[in-house]
């Protein structure tokens, strides 16, 4: 890992589109400042499709800035949802889960 600052976003135990909308500005600001984004998804028990799509959009935005998203302790429910939607590989979850 480089010496860049890491912005950790705790996703709690449920992730819906309303939660993700609140994260949007923080993610974009952190990316613009050159920070690495790390999503803490270890407690997630429920995640909706719209939230997963928004997080995928975050991963694409990070990629445009030359970053990847990091996943802290991805829960079984989160990984299952990402795989079911075909997003796990697209969001680099297999390579960037810590």
N, C-alpha and C. Protein backbone atom coordinates (compact mmCIF):
# COMPACT_ATOMS: atom_id res chain seq x y z
N UNK A 1 0.85 -1.18 0.00
CA UNK A 1 0.00 0.00 0.00
C UNK A 1 0.88 1.22 0.00
N UNK A 2 0.49 2.24 -0.70
CA UNK A 2 1.24 3.48 -0.75
C UNK A 2 1.00 4.30 0.50
N UNK A 3 1.63 5.47 0.55
CA UNK A 3 1.47 6.33 1.70
C UNK A 3 0.27 7.26 1.57
N UNK A 4 -0.61 7.00 0.63
CA UNK A 4 -1.82 7.82 0.47
C UNK A 4 -2.74 7.63 1.66
N UNK A 5 -3.47 8.69 1.98
CA UNK A 5 -4.44 8.62 3.05
C UNK A 5 -5.61 7.72 2.64
N UNK A 6 -6.11 6.98 3.61
CA UNK A 6 -7.23 6.06 3.35
C UNK A 6 -8.48 6.63 4.01
N UNK A 7 -9.55 6.73 3.25
CA UNK A 7 -10.85 7.10 3.78
C UNK A 7 -11.64 5.82 3.96
N UNK A 8 -12.00 5.51 5.22
CA UNK A 8 -12.76 4.30 5.52
C UNK A 8 -14.23 4.68 5.63
N UNK A 9 -15.07 3.94 4.91
CA UNK A 9 -16.51 4.16 4.94
C UNK A 9 -17.15 2.92 5.54
N UNK A 10 -17.72 3.08 6.73
CA UNK A 10 -18.38 1.96 7.41
C UNK A 10 -19.80 1.85 6.89
N UNK A 11 -20.12 0.70 6.32
CA UNK A 11 -21.43 0.50 5.69
C UNK A 11 -22.47 -0.08 6.64
N UNK A 12 -22.10 -0.35 7.89
CA UNK A 12 -23.07 -0.86 8.86
C UNK A 12 -23.55 -2.26 8.53
N UNK A 13 -24.79 -2.58 8.97
CA UNK A 13 -25.30 -3.94 8.75
C UNK A 13 -26.32 -4.04 7.62
N UNK A 14 -26.77 -2.91 7.12
CA UNK A 14 -27.71 -2.90 5.99
C UNK A 14 -27.33 -1.76 5.06
N UNK A 15 -27.36 -2.03 3.79
CA UNK A 15 -26.97 -1.02 2.81
C UNK A 15 -28.05 -0.90 1.76
N UNK A 16 -28.69 0.26 1.76
CA UNK A 16 -29.73 0.55 0.79
C UNK A 16 -29.35 1.78 0.01
N UNK A 17 -30.10 2.08 -1.00
CA UNK A 17 -29.79 3.21 -1.87
C UNK A 17 -29.75 4.53 -1.08
N UNK A 18 -30.58 4.67 -0.06
CA UNK A 18 -30.56 5.90 0.75
C UNK A 18 -29.22 6.08 1.45
N UNK A 19 -28.63 5.00 1.95
CA UNK A 19 -27.33 5.07 2.61
C UNK A 19 -26.23 5.43 1.63
N UNK A 20 -26.27 4.83 0.46
CA UNK A 20 -25.22 5.03 -0.52
C UNK A 20 -25.25 6.45 -1.04
N UNK A 21 -26.43 7.01 -1.20
CA UNK A 21 -26.55 8.39 -1.64
C UNK A 21 -25.82 9.34 -0.72
N UNK A 22 -25.89 9.07 0.58
CA UNK A 22 -25.19 9.91 1.57
C UNK A 22 -23.67 9.77 1.47
N UNK A 23 -23.19 8.65 0.96
CA UNK A 23 -21.74 8.41 0.84
C UNK A 23 -21.14 9.08 -0.40
N UNK A 24 -21.97 9.38 -1.37
CA UNK A 24 -21.49 9.82 -2.67
C UNK A 24 -20.52 10.99 -2.60
N UNK A 25 -20.92 12.07 -1.93
CA UNK A 25 -20.06 13.25 -1.84
C UNK A 25 -18.76 12.95 -1.13
N UNK A 26 -18.83 12.17 -0.07
CA UNK A 26 -17.61 11.82 0.68
C UNK A 26 -16.63 11.05 -0.20
N UNK A 27 -17.15 10.11 -0.97
CA UNK A 27 -16.30 9.33 -1.86
C UNK A 27 -15.67 10.23 -2.92
N UNK A 28 -16.47 11.06 -3.57
CA UNK A 28 -15.93 11.92 -4.63
C UNK A 28 -14.91 12.91 -4.08
N UNK A 29 -15.18 13.49 -2.92
CA UNK A 29 -14.24 14.43 -2.30
C UNK A 29 -12.93 13.72 -1.96
N UNK A 30 -13.04 12.54 -1.37
CA UNK A 30 -11.84 11.78 -0.99
C UNK A 30 -11.02 11.40 -2.22
N UNK A 31 -11.69 10.99 -3.29
CA UNK A 31 -10.98 10.65 -4.52
C UNK A 31 -10.28 11.87 -5.10
N UNK A 32 -10.97 13.00 -5.10
CA UNK A 32 -10.38 14.23 -5.63
C UNK A 32 -9.15 14.65 -4.83
N UNK A 33 -9.14 14.32 -3.53
CA UNK A 33 -8.00 14.65 -2.67
C UNK A 33 -6.91 13.59 -2.76
N UNK A 34 -7.12 12.56 -3.58
CA UNK A 34 -6.11 11.53 -3.78
C UNK A 34 -6.13 10.41 -2.76
N UNK A 35 -7.21 10.33 -1.96
CA UNK A 35 -7.30 9.29 -0.94
C UNK A 35 -7.71 7.95 -1.56
N UNK A 36 -7.31 6.89 -0.91
CA UNK A 36 -7.79 5.56 -1.25
C UNK A 36 -9.08 5.33 -0.47
N UNK A 37 -10.08 4.74 -1.09
CA UNK A 37 -11.37 4.47 -0.46
C UNK A 37 -11.42 3.03 0.00
N UNK A 38 -11.76 2.84 1.26
CA UNK A 38 -11.90 1.48 1.81
C UNK A 38 -13.30 1.35 2.40
N UNK A 39 -14.09 0.45 1.84
CA UNK A 39 -15.43 0.19 2.36
C UNK A 39 -15.37 -0.92 3.40
N UNK A 40 -15.84 -0.63 4.60
CA UNK A 40 -15.96 -1.66 5.64
C UNK A 40 -17.33 -2.30 5.47
N UNK A 41 -17.34 -3.51 4.93
CA UNK A 41 -18.59 -4.20 4.64
C UNK A 41 -18.69 -5.51 5.43
N UNK A 42 -17.95 -5.59 6.53
CA UNK A 42 -17.91 -6.83 7.32
C UNK A 42 -19.20 -7.15 8.05
N UNK A 43 -20.04 -6.14 8.38
CA UNK A 43 -21.26 -6.38 9.15
C UNK A 43 -22.52 -6.49 8.29
N UNK A 44 -22.40 -6.26 7.00
CA UNK A 44 -23.59 -6.21 6.14
C UNK A 44 -24.33 -7.54 6.15
N UNK A 45 -25.62 -7.43 6.46
CA UNK A 45 -26.52 -8.59 6.41
C UNK A 45 -27.50 -8.47 5.26
N UNK A 46 -27.80 -7.20 4.87
CA UNK A 46 -28.74 -6.94 3.78
C UNK A 46 -28.18 -5.83 2.90
N UNK A 47 -28.29 -6.04 1.60
CA UNK A 47 -27.87 -5.02 0.64
C UNK A 47 -28.81 -5.08 -0.55
N UNK A 48 -29.28 -3.92 -1.00
CA UNK A 48 -30.19 -3.97 -2.14
C UNK A 48 -29.43 -3.75 -3.45
N UNK A 49 -30.08 -4.10 -4.53
CA UNK A 49 -29.47 -4.04 -5.85
C UNK A 49 -29.04 -2.63 -6.21
N UNK A 50 -29.87 -1.65 -5.91
CA UNK A 50 -29.54 -0.26 -6.24
C UNK A 50 -28.27 0.18 -5.51
N UNK A 51 -28.11 -0.24 -4.27
CA UNK A 51 -26.90 0.10 -3.52
C UNK A 51 -25.68 -0.55 -4.15
N UNK A 52 -25.79 -1.79 -4.57
CA UNK A 52 -24.68 -2.47 -5.21
C UNK A 52 -24.32 -1.77 -6.52
N UNK A 53 -25.31 -1.33 -7.27
CA UNK A 53 -25.05 -0.63 -8.52
C UNK A 53 -24.33 0.70 -8.25
N UNK A 54 -24.72 1.39 -7.19
CA UNK A 54 -24.08 2.65 -6.85
C UNK A 54 -22.63 2.42 -6.43
N UNK A 55 -22.39 1.38 -5.66
CA UNK A 55 -21.02 1.07 -5.25
C UNK A 55 -20.17 0.70 -6.47
N UNK A 56 -20.77 0.01 -7.42
CA UNK A 56 -20.06 -0.27 -8.66
C UNK A 56 -19.70 1.05 -9.36
N UNK A 57 -20.63 1.99 -9.38
CA UNK A 57 -20.34 3.30 -9.98
C UNK A 57 -19.18 3.97 -9.24
N UNK A 58 -19.14 3.84 -7.90
CA UNK A 58 -18.00 4.37 -7.13
C UNK A 58 -16.70 3.73 -7.60
N UNK A 59 -16.73 2.42 -7.83
CA UNK A 59 -15.50 1.73 -8.23
C UNK A 59 -15.02 2.24 -9.59
N UNK A 60 -15.95 2.53 -10.49
CA UNK A 60 -15.58 3.06 -11.80
C UNK A 60 -15.02 4.48 -11.66
N UNK A 61 -15.58 5.28 -10.78
CA UNK A 61 -15.09 6.64 -10.54
C UNK A 61 -13.69 6.59 -9.94
N UNK A 62 -13.47 5.67 -9.01
CA UNK A 62 -12.14 5.49 -8.41
C UNK A 62 -11.13 5.12 -9.49
N UNK A 63 -11.54 4.24 -10.38
CA UNK A 63 -10.67 3.80 -11.47
C UNK A 63 -10.26 4.98 -12.35
N UNK A 64 -11.20 5.90 -12.61
CA UNK A 64 -10.90 7.09 -13.41
C UNK A 64 -9.83 7.95 -12.74
N UNK A 65 -9.78 7.90 -11.41
CA UNK A 65 -8.80 8.68 -10.64
C UNK A 65 -7.51 7.88 -10.39
N UNK A 66 -7.42 6.69 -10.98
CA UNK A 66 -6.22 5.87 -10.82
C UNK A 66 -6.19 5.08 -9.52
N UNK A 67 -7.35 4.85 -8.91
CA UNK A 67 -7.44 4.11 -7.65
C UNK A 67 -8.33 2.88 -7.83
N UNK A 68 -8.28 2.02 -6.84
CA UNK A 68 -9.24 0.93 -6.73
C UNK A 68 -9.86 1.03 -5.35
N UNK A 69 -11.06 0.50 -5.22
CA UNK A 69 -11.69 0.44 -3.90
C UNK A 69 -11.13 -0.74 -3.15
N UNK A 70 -11.00 -0.58 -1.84
CA UNK A 70 -10.60 -1.68 -0.97
C UNK A 70 -11.82 -2.13 -0.19
N UNK A 71 -11.88 -3.40 0.09
CA UNK A 71 -13.00 -3.99 0.81
C UNK A 71 -12.49 -4.56 2.12
N UNK A 72 -12.97 -4.01 3.23
CA UNK A 72 -12.55 -4.49 4.55
C UNK A 72 -13.53 -5.54 5.05
N UNK A 73 -13.05 -6.77 5.17
CA UNK A 73 -13.84 -7.85 5.77
C UNK A 73 -15.20 -8.06 5.16
N UNK A 74 -15.28 -8.24 3.86
CA UNK A 74 -16.56 -8.40 3.19
C UNK A 74 -17.36 -9.56 3.78
N UNK A 75 -18.58 -9.26 4.22
CA UNK A 75 -19.46 -10.28 4.80
C UNK A 75 -19.92 -11.25 3.73
N UNK A 76 -20.37 -12.40 4.17
CA UNK A 76 -20.89 -13.41 3.25
C UNK A 76 -22.06 -12.85 2.44
N UNK A 77 -22.95 -12.11 3.09
CA UNK A 77 -24.12 -11.55 2.40
C UNK A 77 -23.70 -10.55 1.33
N UNK A 78 -22.70 -9.73 1.62
CA UNK A 78 -22.24 -8.74 0.65
C UNK A 78 -21.59 -9.43 -0.55
N UNK A 79 -20.72 -10.39 -0.29
CA UNK A 79 -20.04 -11.12 -1.36
C UNK A 79 -21.05 -11.88 -2.21
N UNK A 80 -22.01 -12.52 -1.56
CA UNK A 80 -23.04 -13.27 -2.29
C UNK A 80 -23.82 -12.34 -3.23
N UNK A 81 -24.20 -11.17 -2.72
CA UNK A 81 -24.95 -10.21 -3.54
C UNK A 81 -24.11 -9.73 -4.72
N UNK A 82 -22.84 -9.42 -4.46
CA UNK A 82 -21.95 -8.94 -5.52
C UNK A 82 -21.77 -10.01 -6.60
N UNK A 83 -21.60 -11.26 -6.18
CA UNK A 83 -21.43 -12.35 -7.14
C UNK A 83 -22.70 -12.59 -7.93
N UNK A 84 -23.85 -12.57 -7.25
CA UNK A 84 -25.12 -12.82 -7.90
C UNK A 84 -25.41 -11.78 -8.99
N UNK A 85 -24.97 -10.55 -8.76
CA UNK A 85 -25.19 -9.47 -9.73
C UNK A 85 -24.06 -9.38 -10.76
N UNK A 86 -23.06 -10.24 -10.61
CA UNK A 86 -21.93 -10.22 -11.54
C UNK A 86 -21.00 -9.04 -11.31
N UNK A 87 -20.99 -8.49 -10.10
CA UNK A 87 -20.19 -7.29 -9.82
C UNK A 87 -18.90 -7.57 -9.05
N UNK A 88 -18.76 -8.75 -8.45
CA UNK A 88 -17.59 -9.02 -7.61
C UNK A 88 -16.29 -8.82 -8.38
N UNK A 89 -16.20 -9.38 -9.55
CA UNK A 89 -14.98 -9.24 -10.35
C UNK A 89 -14.84 -7.82 -10.87
N UNK A 90 -15.94 -7.23 -11.32
CA UNK A 90 -15.90 -5.87 -11.85
C UNK A 90 -15.44 -4.85 -10.80
N UNK A 91 -15.72 -5.13 -9.53
CA UNK A 91 -15.33 -4.22 -8.45
C UNK A 91 -14.02 -4.65 -7.79
N UNK A 92 -13.32 -5.60 -8.42
CA UNK A 92 -12.03 -6.07 -7.92
C UNK A 92 -12.08 -6.57 -6.49
N UNK A 93 -13.18 -7.21 -6.12
CA UNK A 93 -13.32 -7.69 -4.75
C UNK A 93 -12.37 -8.83 -4.43
N UNK A 94 -12.06 -9.65 -5.39
CA UNK A 94 -11.19 -10.80 -5.11
C UNK A 94 -9.76 -10.36 -4.84
N UNK A 95 -9.31 -9.29 -5.46
CA UNK A 95 -7.93 -8.82 -5.30
C UNK A 95 -7.76 -7.78 -4.22
N UNK A 96 -8.83 -7.15 -3.77
CA UNK A 96 -8.70 -5.98 -2.89
C UNK A 96 -9.50 -6.09 -1.61
N UNK A 97 -9.69 -7.31 -1.11
CA UNK A 97 -10.38 -7.51 0.15
C UNK A 97 -9.33 -7.70 1.23
N UNK A 98 -9.44 -6.88 2.29
CA UNK A 98 -8.46 -6.98 3.38
C UNK A 98 -9.14 -7.38 4.66
